[in-house]
N, C-alpha and C. Protein backbone atom coordinates (compact mmCIF):
# COMPACT_ATOMS: atom_id res chain seq x y z
N ASP A 1 0.86 -1.18 0.00
CA ASP A 1 0.00 0.00 0.00
C ASP A 1 0.90 1.23 0.00
N ARG A 2 0.82 2.00 -1.08
CA ARG A 2 1.69 3.17 -1.21
C ARG A 2 0.94 4.46 -0.93
N ASP A 3 -0.25 4.35 -0.35
CA ASP A 3 -1.06 5.53 -0.09
C ASP A 3 -0.46 6.34 1.06
N VAL A 4 -0.69 7.63 1.02
CA VAL A 4 -0.23 8.53 2.05
C VAL A 4 -1.41 8.87 2.96
N TYR A 5 -1.19 8.80 4.26
CA TYR A 5 -2.24 9.11 5.22
C TYR A 5 -2.10 10.56 5.67
N VAL A 6 -3.25 11.22 5.78
CA VAL A 6 -3.29 12.63 6.15
C VAL A 6 -4.11 12.76 7.43
N GLU A 7 -3.55 13.41 8.43
CA GLU A 7 -4.27 13.63 9.69
C GLU A 7 -5.29 14.75 9.48
N MET A 8 -6.52 14.51 9.93
CA MET A 8 -7.56 15.53 9.81
C MET A 8 -7.30 16.60 10.86
N PRO A 9 -7.19 17.88 10.46
CA PRO A 9 -6.92 18.94 11.43
C PRO A 9 -8.12 19.16 12.34
N VAL A 10 -7.85 19.43 13.61
CA VAL A 10 -8.90 19.63 14.59
C VAL A 10 -8.51 20.81 15.47
N SER A 11 -9.46 21.72 15.67
CA SER A 11 -9.19 22.86 16.54
C SER A 11 -9.19 22.41 18.00
N GLU A 12 -8.60 23.21 18.86
CA GLU A 12 -8.59 22.89 20.30
C GLU A 12 -10.02 22.81 20.85
N LYS A 13 -10.89 23.71 20.40
CA LYS A 13 -12.28 23.70 20.84
C LYS A 13 -12.98 22.40 20.40
N ALA A 14 -12.72 21.99 19.17
CA ALA A 14 -13.37 20.78 18.65
C ALA A 14 -12.93 19.53 19.40
N LYS A 15 -11.71 19.53 19.92
CA LYS A 15 -11.21 18.36 20.65
C LYS A 15 -12.07 18.06 21.88
N LEU A 16 -12.80 19.04 22.36
CA LEU A 16 -13.61 18.87 23.56
C LEU A 16 -15.03 18.41 23.26
N THR A 17 -15.39 18.24 22.01
CA THR A 17 -16.76 17.86 21.64
C THR A 17 -16.94 16.35 21.67
N PRO A 18 -18.17 15.88 21.88
CA PRO A 18 -18.42 14.44 21.86
C PRO A 18 -18.04 13.79 20.53
N ALA A 19 -18.11 14.55 19.44
CA ALA A 19 -17.76 13.98 18.14
C ALA A 19 -16.32 13.49 18.11
N MET A 20 -15.45 14.16 18.84
CA MET A 20 -14.03 13.80 18.83
C MET A 20 -13.76 12.51 19.59
N THR A 21 -14.64 12.14 20.48
CA THR A 21 -14.45 10.89 21.23
C THR A 21 -15.29 9.76 20.65
N ASP A 22 -16.02 10.04 19.59
CA ASP A 22 -16.83 9.02 18.93
C ASP A 22 -15.90 7.95 18.35
N PRO A 23 -16.11 6.68 18.70
CA PRO A 23 -15.22 5.63 18.18
C PRO A 23 -15.31 5.47 16.66
N LEU A 24 -16.35 6.00 16.03
CA LEU A 24 -16.48 5.89 14.58
C LEU A 24 -15.87 7.09 13.84
N ARG A 25 -15.32 8.04 14.60
CA ARG A 25 -14.72 9.23 13.99
C ARG A 25 -13.52 8.85 13.14
N VAL A 26 -13.45 9.47 11.99
CA VAL A 26 -12.31 9.27 11.10
C VAL A 26 -11.26 10.31 11.45
N GLY A 27 -10.12 9.85 11.91
CA GLY A 27 -9.05 10.76 12.31
C GLY A 27 -8.04 11.00 11.21
N THR A 28 -7.82 9.99 10.40
CA THR A 28 -6.89 10.14 9.29
C THR A 28 -7.58 9.65 8.01
N VAL A 29 -7.19 10.24 6.92
CA VAL A 29 -7.71 9.81 5.62
C VAL A 29 -6.53 9.61 4.68
N THR A 30 -6.78 8.89 3.63
CA THR A 30 -5.72 8.68 2.65
C THR A 30 -5.86 9.69 1.53
N GLN A 31 -4.77 9.88 0.81
CA GLN A 31 -4.83 10.77 -0.34
C GLN A 31 -5.82 10.23 -1.37
N THR A 32 -5.98 8.92 -1.43
CA THR A 32 -6.95 8.32 -2.35
C THR A 32 -8.36 8.75 -1.99
N LEU A 33 -8.69 8.74 -0.69
CA LEU A 33 -10.02 9.18 -0.26
C LEU A 33 -10.23 10.65 -0.62
N LEU A 34 -9.24 11.48 -0.37
CA LEU A 34 -9.36 12.90 -0.72
C LEU A 34 -9.60 13.06 -2.22
N PHE A 35 -8.89 12.30 -3.04
CA PHE A 35 -9.08 12.35 -4.49
C PHE A 35 -10.50 11.93 -4.85
N GLU A 36 -11.01 10.89 -4.21
CA GLU A 36 -12.37 10.41 -4.49
C GLU A 36 -13.41 11.45 -4.11
N ILE A 37 -13.17 12.18 -3.03
CA ILE A 37 -14.09 13.24 -2.62
C ILE A 37 -14.13 14.33 -3.69
N VAL A 38 -12.97 14.71 -4.20
CA VAL A 38 -12.91 15.72 -5.26
C VAL A 38 -13.63 15.22 -6.51
N LYS A 39 -13.41 13.95 -6.84
CA LYS A 39 -14.05 13.35 -8.01
C LYS A 39 -15.58 13.34 -7.84
N MET A 40 -16.03 13.10 -6.61
CA MET A 40 -17.45 13.06 -6.31
C MET A 40 -18.13 14.39 -6.62
N ARG A 41 -17.41 15.48 -6.43
CA ARG A 41 -17.99 16.80 -6.71
C ARG A 41 -18.41 16.90 -8.18
N GLY A 42 -17.55 16.43 -9.08
CA GLY A 42 -17.88 16.46 -10.50
C GLY A 42 -19.07 15.58 -10.82
N ILE A 43 -19.13 14.42 -10.20
CA ILE A 43 -20.26 13.52 -10.41
C ILE A 43 -21.55 14.15 -9.89
N THR A 44 -21.46 14.80 -8.73
CA THR A 44 -22.63 15.46 -8.15
C THR A 44 -23.11 16.57 -9.06
N GLN A 45 -22.21 17.40 -9.55
CA GLN A 45 -22.60 18.50 -10.42
C GLN A 45 -23.31 18.00 -11.67
N LYS A 46 -22.90 16.87 -12.18
CA LYS A 46 -23.53 16.31 -13.38
C LYS A 46 -24.89 15.71 -13.06
N ASN A 47 -24.96 14.92 -12.00
CA ASN A 47 -26.18 14.19 -11.69
C ASN A 47 -27.25 15.01 -11.00
N ILE A 48 -26.88 16.11 -10.39
CA ILE A 48 -27.86 16.93 -9.69
C ILE A 48 -28.91 17.47 -10.67
N LEU A 49 -28.53 17.62 -11.92
CA LEU A 49 -29.45 18.12 -12.93
C LEU A 49 -30.53 17.10 -13.30
N LYS A 50 -30.37 15.87 -12.85
CA LYS A 50 -31.34 14.80 -13.12
C LYS A 50 -32.21 14.51 -11.92
N LEU A 51 -32.13 15.32 -10.90
CA LEU A 51 -32.78 15.05 -9.62
C LEU A 51 -34.20 15.63 -9.61
N TYR A 52 -35.19 14.74 -9.74
CA TYR A 52 -36.59 15.17 -9.75
C TYR A 52 -37.38 14.60 -8.57
N THR A 53 -36.71 13.95 -7.65
CA THR A 53 -37.37 13.46 -6.45
C THR A 53 -37.39 14.57 -5.41
N PRO A 54 -38.23 14.46 -4.38
CA PRO A 54 -38.22 15.48 -3.32
C PRO A 54 -36.84 15.57 -2.65
N VAL A 55 -36.42 16.79 -2.34
CA VAL A 55 -35.09 17.02 -1.77
C VAL A 55 -35.21 17.98 -0.58
N LEU A 56 -34.57 17.61 0.51
CA LEU A 56 -34.44 18.49 1.66
C LEU A 56 -32.95 18.74 1.89
N CYS A 57 -32.55 19.99 1.88
CA CYS A 57 -31.17 20.37 2.20
C CYS A 57 -31.19 21.02 3.57
N ILE A 58 -30.29 20.59 4.43
CA ILE A 58 -30.13 21.25 5.72
C ILE A 58 -28.75 21.89 5.75
N GLN A 59 -28.71 23.06 6.35
CA GLN A 59 -27.47 23.83 6.34
C GLN A 59 -27.26 24.45 7.71
N MET A 60 -26.05 24.36 8.21
CA MET A 60 -25.69 24.98 9.48
C MET A 60 -24.88 26.23 9.18
N GLU A 61 -25.33 27.37 9.67
CA GLU A 61 -24.64 28.63 9.37
C GLU A 61 -23.17 28.61 9.78
N ALA A 62 -22.86 27.94 10.86
CA ALA A 62 -21.48 27.93 11.37
C ALA A 62 -20.66 26.75 10.86
N ASP A 63 -21.15 26.04 9.86
CA ASP A 63 -20.44 24.87 9.34
C ASP A 63 -19.14 25.29 8.68
N LYS A 64 -18.03 24.71 9.14
CA LYS A 64 -16.72 25.00 8.57
C LYS A 64 -16.24 23.88 7.65
N VAL A 65 -17.05 22.81 7.53
CA VAL A 65 -16.68 21.68 6.69
C VAL A 65 -17.36 21.79 5.32
N VAL A 66 -18.67 22.02 5.33
CA VAL A 66 -19.43 22.15 4.09
C VAL A 66 -19.53 23.62 3.75
N ASP A 67 -19.16 23.95 2.54
CA ASP A 67 -19.23 25.34 2.08
C ASP A 67 -20.69 25.67 1.75
N ASN A 68 -21.27 26.57 2.52
CA ASN A 68 -22.69 26.88 2.35
C ASN A 68 -22.98 27.54 1.00
N LYS A 69 -22.06 28.31 0.47
CA LYS A 69 -22.29 28.93 -0.85
C LYS A 69 -22.37 27.86 -1.93
N THR A 70 -21.53 26.85 -1.83
CA THR A 70 -21.59 25.74 -2.79
C THR A 70 -22.89 24.98 -2.64
N GLN A 71 -23.30 24.74 -1.40
CA GLN A 71 -24.57 24.06 -1.18
C GLN A 71 -25.73 24.88 -1.74
N ASP A 72 -25.68 26.19 -1.59
CA ASP A 72 -26.71 27.06 -2.17
C ASP A 72 -26.76 26.89 -3.69
N GLN A 73 -25.59 26.81 -4.33
CA GLN A 73 -25.54 26.63 -5.78
C GLN A 73 -26.13 25.28 -6.18
N TYR A 74 -25.80 24.24 -5.43
CA TYR A 74 -26.38 22.92 -5.70
C TYR A 74 -27.90 22.97 -5.56
N TYR A 75 -28.37 23.61 -4.49
CA TYR A 75 -29.81 23.70 -4.25
C TYR A 75 -30.50 24.40 -5.42
N GLN A 76 -29.94 25.49 -5.89
CA GLN A 76 -30.54 26.22 -7.01
C GLN A 76 -30.54 25.37 -8.29
N ALA A 77 -29.56 24.52 -8.46
CA ALA A 77 -29.46 23.69 -9.67
C ALA A 77 -30.42 22.51 -9.68
N ILE A 78 -30.92 22.11 -8.52
CA ILE A 78 -31.84 20.97 -8.46
C ILE A 78 -33.12 21.34 -9.21
N PRO A 79 -33.49 20.57 -10.24
CA PRO A 79 -34.62 20.96 -11.07
C PRO A 79 -36.01 20.67 -10.47
N THR A 80 -36.09 19.82 -9.46
CA THR A 80 -37.39 19.50 -8.91
C THR A 80 -38.04 20.71 -8.25
N ALA A 81 -39.35 20.79 -8.38
CA ALA A 81 -40.09 21.86 -7.70
C ALA A 81 -40.30 21.51 -6.23
N ASN A 82 -40.17 20.23 -5.91
CA ASN A 82 -40.41 19.75 -4.54
C ASN A 82 -39.08 19.70 -3.79
N LYS A 83 -38.60 20.88 -3.43
CA LYS A 83 -37.35 20.97 -2.68
C LYS A 83 -37.51 22.01 -1.58
N ALA A 84 -36.73 21.82 -0.53
CA ALA A 84 -36.78 22.74 0.60
C ALA A 84 -35.38 22.89 1.17
N MET A 85 -35.11 24.07 1.69
CA MET A 85 -33.83 24.36 2.35
C MET A 85 -34.14 24.81 3.77
N ARG A 86 -33.47 24.20 4.73
CA ARG A 86 -33.58 24.61 6.13
C ARG A 86 -32.19 25.06 6.58
N ILE A 87 -32.14 26.27 7.11
CA ILE A 87 -30.87 26.83 7.57
C ILE A 87 -30.97 27.05 9.08
N TYR A 88 -29.98 26.55 9.81
CA TYR A 88 -29.99 26.62 11.27
C TYR A 88 -28.80 27.42 11.76
N SER A 89 -29.05 28.30 12.71
CA SER A 89 -27.96 29.02 13.36
C SER A 89 -27.77 28.38 14.74
N GLY A 90 -26.59 28.52 15.28
CA GLY A 90 -26.30 27.96 16.59
C GLY A 90 -25.76 26.54 16.55
N ALA A 91 -25.49 26.04 15.37
CA ALA A 91 -24.92 24.69 15.24
C ALA A 91 -23.91 24.70 14.09
N ASP A 92 -22.98 23.74 14.13
CA ASP A 92 -22.01 23.63 13.06
C ASP A 92 -22.12 22.25 12.42
N HIS A 93 -21.06 21.79 11.77
CA HIS A 93 -21.10 20.51 11.05
C HIS A 93 -21.49 19.34 11.96
N ASP A 94 -21.08 19.39 13.20
CA ASP A 94 -21.39 18.32 14.16
C ASP A 94 -22.70 18.62 14.90
N TRP A 95 -23.72 19.01 14.17
CA TRP A 95 -24.99 19.41 14.78
C TRP A 95 -25.64 18.30 15.58
N ILE A 96 -25.33 17.05 15.27
CA ILE A 96 -25.97 15.96 16.03
C ILE A 96 -25.54 15.96 17.49
N TRP A 97 -24.47 16.70 17.80
CA TRP A 97 -24.01 16.80 19.18
C TRP A 97 -24.47 18.10 19.83
N SER A 98 -25.22 18.92 19.10
CA SER A 98 -25.63 20.22 19.64
C SER A 98 -26.99 20.10 20.33
N GLU A 99 -27.35 21.15 21.02
CA GLU A 99 -28.66 21.19 21.68
C GLU A 99 -29.79 21.32 20.66
N LEU A 100 -29.45 21.60 19.41
CA LEU A 100 -30.46 21.73 18.36
C LEU A 100 -30.82 20.40 17.70
N VAL A 101 -30.20 19.31 18.13
CA VAL A 101 -30.44 18.03 17.47
C VAL A 101 -31.93 17.66 17.48
N GLY A 102 -32.62 17.89 18.57
CA GLY A 102 -34.04 17.55 18.65
C GLY A 102 -34.88 18.33 17.65
N PRO A 103 -34.80 19.67 17.67
CA PRO A 103 -35.57 20.45 16.70
C PRO A 103 -35.21 20.17 15.24
N ILE A 104 -33.92 19.99 14.96
CA ILE A 104 -33.51 19.71 13.58
C ILE A 104 -34.05 18.35 13.15
N ALA A 105 -33.89 17.35 13.99
CA ALA A 105 -34.41 16.02 13.67
C ALA A 105 -35.92 16.06 13.47
N GLN A 106 -36.61 16.82 14.29
CA GLN A 106 -38.06 16.93 14.14
C GLN A 106 -38.43 17.60 12.82
N ASP A 107 -37.67 18.62 12.43
CA ASP A 107 -37.91 19.27 11.14
C ASP A 107 -37.74 18.27 9.99
N ILE A 108 -36.73 17.42 10.09
CA ILE A 108 -36.49 16.41 9.05
C ILE A 108 -37.66 15.43 9.01
N VAL A 109 -38.09 14.95 10.17
CA VAL A 109 -39.22 14.01 10.23
C VAL A 109 -40.48 14.66 9.66
N ASP A 110 -40.75 15.90 10.06
CA ASP A 110 -41.94 16.60 9.55
C ASP A 110 -41.89 16.76 8.04
N TRP A 111 -40.71 17.06 7.51
CA TRP A 111 -40.58 17.22 6.06
C TRP A 111 -40.84 15.89 5.35
N ILE A 112 -40.31 14.81 5.90
CA ILE A 112 -40.51 13.48 5.29
C ILE A 112 -42.00 13.13 5.27
N LYS A 113 -42.71 13.49 6.32
CA LYS A 113 -44.13 13.16 6.44
C LYS A 113 -45.00 13.97 5.46
N THR A 114 -44.49 15.09 4.98
CA THR A 114 -45.33 15.92 4.08
C THR A 114 -45.23 15.47 2.63
């Protein structure tokens, strides 16, 4: 295996979150995985134009992992009329560990039911 492993950078504040102690957390990634993620962007851009099923996008204003401007562009490109965007403040990428997990999860359930 000639792959190079890259340590995922973590801020001091993030080290104190439950996400950092999650046994399923990915701490290192390979250059191959990073390449596949970049490749996925091109596939997403192509296939998003074929998306006619209902779509719910959730966005955290403080997310430092997902670029919200890019997500906005993807949302605008989705051709289905049955789409919704929910934007939450007070949470970041690890929203499942925030106090907003209940309300966000309920919003997702309510959207699925409609």
